[in-house]
Amino acid sequence: MSFTYRFLFLALTLVSLCTSCEDKKKASEVKVDALKEKNIDSIQEKDALSGKNKSNPDKYPKITNENVVEFLTSYGKENPETKVLINTQHGTIEIELYKDTPLHRANFIYLVKQKYFDGTFFHRVVPNFIIQGGNSDLRSTPKKRAEIGKDYLLPAELDQGRVHSYGSISGAKEYRENPDKKSAPFEFFIFLGPKTSTSHLNGNYTVFAQVTKGMDIVKKIANLETESSDEWPLENVYLEIKVME
């Protein structure tokens, strides 16, 4: 075999080998890419089932009356905190949430972590009775409610037989037809009145927490000046609420 033919034979062999290696590399890359796509699809499917947005893992689905029990039960298991700090310009109030009212506890922790309460007010004050928080006359409040789920209510949790006492915290209630005594999820009230003022409260409003420190601040807020025909204080008492543990 002449030198020219040998050279051509070797050249063709090398080209064949290189092409073969390139094809194998491309095939391998295709398999890896396909596996990556499969894993991504699997993760996205899990995110969809859990209600979380992959681009924003803290984004949850809107709460409705249809999913409220399932959602809060699941959320409560993942977020077992019970101690919360309420900051106002008049001082701080520490509260502890009851574990045996799991839906109300989980709902309150959820709203705190979603920063719903931040920027709302103690908007209703009645000396020697209650202060009520979680609302405001700012446009941001209904907007936040709409994002979380503006129409859902919390099933009553009254089996514990708790009565309203000094520093007890309860869910506010819808005044419309509400035979099941469901709580409005976005508002709560702290009781500081005498036991003689509890006959219409006990058994009708879910007591889900207790003030552990700061009742002097509650009293101060309760005695703020209001409009003569209204229980809304003249001074906006802003809330900032944080989970302690």
Protein backbone atom coordinates (compact mmCIF):
# COMPACT_ATOMS: atom_id res chain seq x y z
CA MET A 1 0.00 0.00 0.00
CA SER A 2 1.43 3.33 -1.04
CA PHE A 3 2.11 6.07 1.43
CA THR A 4 -0.72 8.18 -0.02
CA TYR A 5 -3.29 5.41 0.48
CA ARG A 6 -2.04 4.73 4.03
CA PHE A 7 -2.37 8.41 4.86
CA LEU A 8 -5.91 8.57 3.47
CA PHE A 9 -6.89 5.39 5.38
CA LEU A 10 -5.58 6.78 8.67
CA ALA A 11 -7.29 10.12 8.06
CA LEU A 12 -10.66 8.47 7.37
CA THR A 13 -10.28 6.28 10.48
CA LEU A 14 -9.59 9.29 12.70
CA VAL A 15 -12.57 11.17 11.25
CA SER A 16 -14.79 8.15 11.90
CA LEU A 17 -13.60 7.86 15.50
CA CYS A 18 -14.07 11.56 16.18
CA THR A 19 -17.56 11.49 14.70
CA SER A 20 -18.44 8.45 16.80
CA CYS A 21 -17.19 10.14 20.00
CA GLU A 22 -19.09 13.33 19.14
CA ASP A 23 -22.30 11.41 18.56
CA LYS A 24 -21.90 9.58 21.88
CA LYS A 25 -21.25 12.88 23.65
CA LYS A 26 -24.33 14.45 22.09
CA ALA A 27 -26.45 11.42 23.01
CA SER A 28 -25.18 11.64 26.58
CA GLU A 29 -25.95 15.34 26.75
CA VAL A 30 -29.47 14.71 25.44
CA LYS A 31 -30.05 12.11 28.16
CA VAL A 32 -28.80 14.47 30.88
CA ASP A 33 -30.97 17.30 29.56
CA ALA A 34 -33.99 15.02 29.46
CA LEU A 35 -33.32 13.93 33.06
CA LYS A 36 -33.02 17.56 34.17
CA GLU A 37 -36.32 18.40 32.49
CA LYS A 38 -37.98 15.43 34.17
CA ASN A 39 -36.68 16.51 37.59
CA ILE A 40 -37.86 20.09 37.00
CA ASP A 41 -41.31 18.84 36.00
CA SER A 42 -41.43 16.71 39.14
CA ILE A 43 -40.50 19.65 41.38
CA GLN A 44 -43.04 21.90 39.67
CA GLU A 45 -45.71 19.24 40.13
CA LYS A 46 -44.92 19.00 43.87
CA ASP A 47 -45.00 22.80 44.17
CA ALA A 48 -48.36 22.91 42.45
CA LEU A 49 -49.78 20.28 44.80
CA SER A 50 -48.52 22.11 47.87
CA GLY A 51 -49.93 25.38 46.59
CA LYS A 52 -46.52 27.07 46.54
CA ASN A 53 -45.11 29.13 43.72
CA LYS A 54 -41.63 27.95 42.64
CA SER A 55 -40.45 31.48 41.94
CA ASN A 56 -41.79 32.59 45.34
CA PRO A 57 -41.80 29.72 47.89
CA ASP A 58 -43.64 31.88 50.45
CA LYS A 59 -46.59 32.39 48.10
CA TYR A 60 -49.63 30.43 49.18
CA PRO A 61 -53.01 29.90 47.54
CA LYS A 62 -55.91 32.11 48.55
CA ILE A 63 -57.83 30.82 51.53
CA THR A 64 -61.49 30.05 50.92
CA ASN A 65 -64.27 28.53 52.97
CA GLU A 66 -63.70 25.34 51.00
CA ASN A 67 -59.98 24.94 51.78
CA VAL A 68 -59.64 26.80 55.10
CA VAL A 69 -59.59 23.73 57.38
CA GLU A 70 -57.22 21.72 55.20
CA PHE A 71 -54.89 24.66 54.60
CA LEU A 72 -54.65 25.82 58.22
CA THR A 73 -54.31 22.27 59.55
CA SER A 74 -51.35 21.68 57.25
CA TYR A 75 -49.87 25.13 57.88
CA GLY A 76 -50.23 24.69 61.64
CA LYS A 77 -48.18 21.49 61.60
CA GLU A 78 -45.36 23.25 59.78
CA ASN A 79 -45.56 26.39 61.92
CA PRO A 80 -46.06 25.42 65.58
CA GLU A 81 -45.18 28.80 67.16
CA THR A 82 -47.33 30.07 70.04
CA LYS A 83 -45.65 33.27 71.32
CA VAL A 84 -46.17 36.59 69.59
CA LEU A 85 -45.15 40.21 70.22
CA ILE A 86 -47.48 43.10 69.36
CA ASN A 87 -45.66 46.43 68.97
CA THR A 88 -47.48 49.78 69.14
CA GLN A 89 -46.33 53.36 69.65
CA HIS A 90 -47.63 53.06 73.21
CA GLY A 91 -45.59 49.96 74.07
CA THR A 92 -45.48 46.21 73.50
CA ILE A 93 -47.91 43.44 74.33
CA GLU A 94 -46.82 39.81 74.57
CA ILE A 95 -49.34 37.07 73.91
CA GLU A 96 -49.43 33.28 73.92
CA LEU A 97 -51.66 31.34 71.53
CA TYR A 98 -53.47 28.20 72.69
CA LYS A 99 -52.57 24.94 70.98
CA ASP A 100 -56.05 23.49 71.48
CA THR A 101 -57.60 26.09 69.15
CA PRO A 102 -55.41 24.98 66.23
CA LEU A 103 -57.23 26.73 63.39
CA HIS A 104 -57.27 30.12 65.11
CA ARG A 105 -53.63 29.71 66.19
CA ALA A 106 -52.47 28.72 62.70
CA ASN A 107 -54.48 31.53 61.10
CA PHE A 108 -52.98 34.15 63.43
CA ILE A 109 -49.42 32.90 62.86
CA TYR A 110 -50.04 32.81 59.11
CA LEU A 111 -51.28 36.40 59.04
CA VAL A 112 -48.33 37.53 61.17
CA LYS A 113 -45.82 35.85 58.85
CA GLN A 114 -47.57 37.28 55.80
CA LYS A 115 -47.23 40.71 57.50
CA TYR A 116 -50.95 41.32 57.22
CA PHE A 117 -51.22 43.05 60.60
CA ASP A 118 -48.31 45.43 60.02
CA GLY A 119 -49.80 48.84 59.35
CA THR A 120 -53.28 47.98 60.65
CA PHE A 121 -54.67 49.59 63.82
CA PHE A 122 -56.26 48.94 67.12
CA HIS A 123 -59.31 50.50 65.54
CA ARG A 124 -61.91 50.00 68.27
CA VAL A 125 -61.37 50.90 71.92
CA VAL A 126 -63.89 50.66 74.75
CA PRO A 127 -62.66 51.54 78.27
CA ASN A 128 -63.06 48.74 80.80
CA PHE A 129 -64.17 46.35 78.06
CA ILE A 130 -62.07 45.61 74.95
CA ILE A 131 -59.61 46.85 72.38
CA GLN A 132 -59.99 45.41 68.87
CA GLY A 133 -57.28 45.23 66.20
CA GLY A 134 -56.62 44.14 62.64
CA ASN A 135 -58.42 46.77 60.58
CA SER A 136 -57.65 50.26 59.25
CA ASP A 137 -59.00 52.92 56.93
CA LEU A 138 -55.96 52.58 54.66
CA ARG A 139 -56.30 51.23 51.12
CA SER A 140 -53.54 48.70 51.83
CA THR A 141 -55.71 46.70 54.25
CA PRO A 142 -58.46 45.53 51.85
CA LYS A 143 -55.76 44.91 49.27
CA LYS A 144 -53.91 42.57 51.64
CA ARG A 145 -57.16 40.84 52.55
CA ALA A 146 -57.92 40.24 48.89
CA GLU A 147 -54.49 38.69 48.35
CA ILE A 148 -54.88 36.34 51.33
CA GLY A 149 -58.55 35.48 50.81
CA LYS A 150 -61.11 38.10 51.76
CA ASP A 151 -64.21 35.91 52.08
CA TYR A 152 -63.20 33.03 54.34
CA LEU A 153 -64.29 32.56 57.95
CA LEU A 154 -62.76 30.47 60.74
CA PRO A 155 -64.82 27.59 62.15
CA ALA A 156 -65.61 28.17 65.83
CA GLU A 157 -63.41 26.32 68.34
CA LEU A 158 -65.54 26.44 71.49
CA ASP A 159 -65.21 22.88 72.82
CA GLN A 160 -62.58 23.94 75.37
CA GLY A 161 -65.26 25.85 77.28
CA ARG A 162 -63.05 28.88 77.86
CA VAL A 163 -64.64 32.05 79.16
CA HIS A 164 -63.52 35.61 78.63
CA SER A 165 -61.24 36.84 81.38
CA TYR A 166 -58.79 39.67 81.96
CA GLY A 167 -56.34 39.63 79.02
CA SER A 168 -58.06 36.93 76.98
CA ILE A 169 -57.90 37.26 73.19
CA SER A 170 -60.74 36.21 70.91
CA GLY A 171 -61.61 36.21 67.26
CA ALA A 172 -63.99 38.95 66.18
CA LYS A 173 -67.23 37.70 64.67
CA GLU A 174 -69.32 38.52 61.64
CA TYR A 175 -72.58 40.17 62.65
CA ARG A 176 -74.43 38.89 59.61
CA GLU A 177 -76.16 35.51 59.67
CA ASN A 178 -73.67 33.36 61.49
CA PRO A 179 -75.37 30.49 63.32
CA ASP A 180 -72.10 28.53 63.43
CA LYS A 181 -70.38 31.36 65.34
CA LYS A 182 -67.50 31.53 62.88
CA SER A 183 -64.73 34.06 63.47
CA ALA A 184 -63.72 36.83 61.09
CA PRO A 185 -60.08 35.89 60.39
CA PHE A 186 -58.48 39.34 60.20
CA GLU A 187 -59.60 40.91 63.48
CA PHE A 188 -59.19 40.05 67.16
CA PHE A 189 -60.03 41.67 70.47
CA ILE A 190 -58.37 41.75 73.88
CA PHE A 191 -60.79 41.62 76.80
CA LEU A 192 -60.16 43.72 79.93
CA GLY A 193 -63.66 44.25 81.25
CA PRO A 194 -65.30 42.74 84.30
CA LYS A 195 -66.80 39.26 84.23
CA THR A 196 -70.23 40.84 84.34
CA SER A 197 -69.62 41.95 80.74
CA THR A 198 -69.05 38.46 79.36
CA SER A 199 -72.52 36.93 79.23
CA HIS A 200 -72.95 37.68 75.51
CA LEU A 201 -69.33 36.73 74.72
CA ASN A 202 -68.87 33.35 76.41
CA GLY A 203 -69.78 30.48 74.12
CA ASN A 204 -70.14 32.80 71.14
CA TYR A 205 -66.57 33.97 70.46
CA THR A 206 -63.54 31.69 70.27
CA VAL A 207 -60.91 32.51 72.91
CA PHE A 208 -57.62 31.53 71.28
CA ALA A 209 -54.88 33.40 73.18
CA GLN A 210 -53.92 35.24 76.36
CA VAL A 211 -51.89 38.36 77.08
CA THR A 212 -48.85 37.33 79.14
CA LYS A 213 -47.27 40.77 79.46
CA GLY A 214 -48.35 44.33 78.70
CA MET A 215 -51.88 44.69 80.08
CA ASP A 216 -50.88 48.18 81.21
CA ILE A 217 -50.44 49.01 77.50
CA VAL A 218 -53.84 47.47 76.73
CA LYS A 219 -55.43 49.69 79.39
CA LYS A 220 -53.69 52.77 78.04
CA ILE A 221 -54.96 52.09 74.52
CA ALA A 222 -58.47 51.35 75.79
CA ASN A 223 -58.64 54.79 77.35
CA LEU A 224 -57.60 56.78 74.27
CA GLU A 225 -59.95 59.56 73.23
CA THR A 226 -62.51 58.64 70.56
CA GLU A 227 -65.15 60.41 68.52
CA SER A 228 -68.22 61.01 70.68
CA SER A 229 -70.37 58.75 68.52
CA ASP A 230 -67.69 56.23 67.60
CA GLU A 231 -65.31 53.77 69.24
CA TRP A 232 -62.54 54.49 66.72
CA PRO A 233 -59.70 56.33 68.52
CA LEU A 234 -58.74 59.77 67.28
CA GLU A 235 -55.11 58.62 67.26
CA ASN A 236 -54.23 55.77 64.89
CA VAL A 237 -52.66 53.02 67.01
CA TYR A 238 -50.48 51.18 64.50
CA LEU A 239 -49.68 47.49 64.88
CA GLU A 240 -46.52 45.60 64.07
CA ILE A 241 -46.72 41.96 65.06
CA LYS A 242 -43.86 39.45 65.15
CA VAL A 243 -43.54 35.77 66.02
CA MET A 244 -41.29 35.23 69.06
CA GLU A 245 -41.26 31.42 69.27
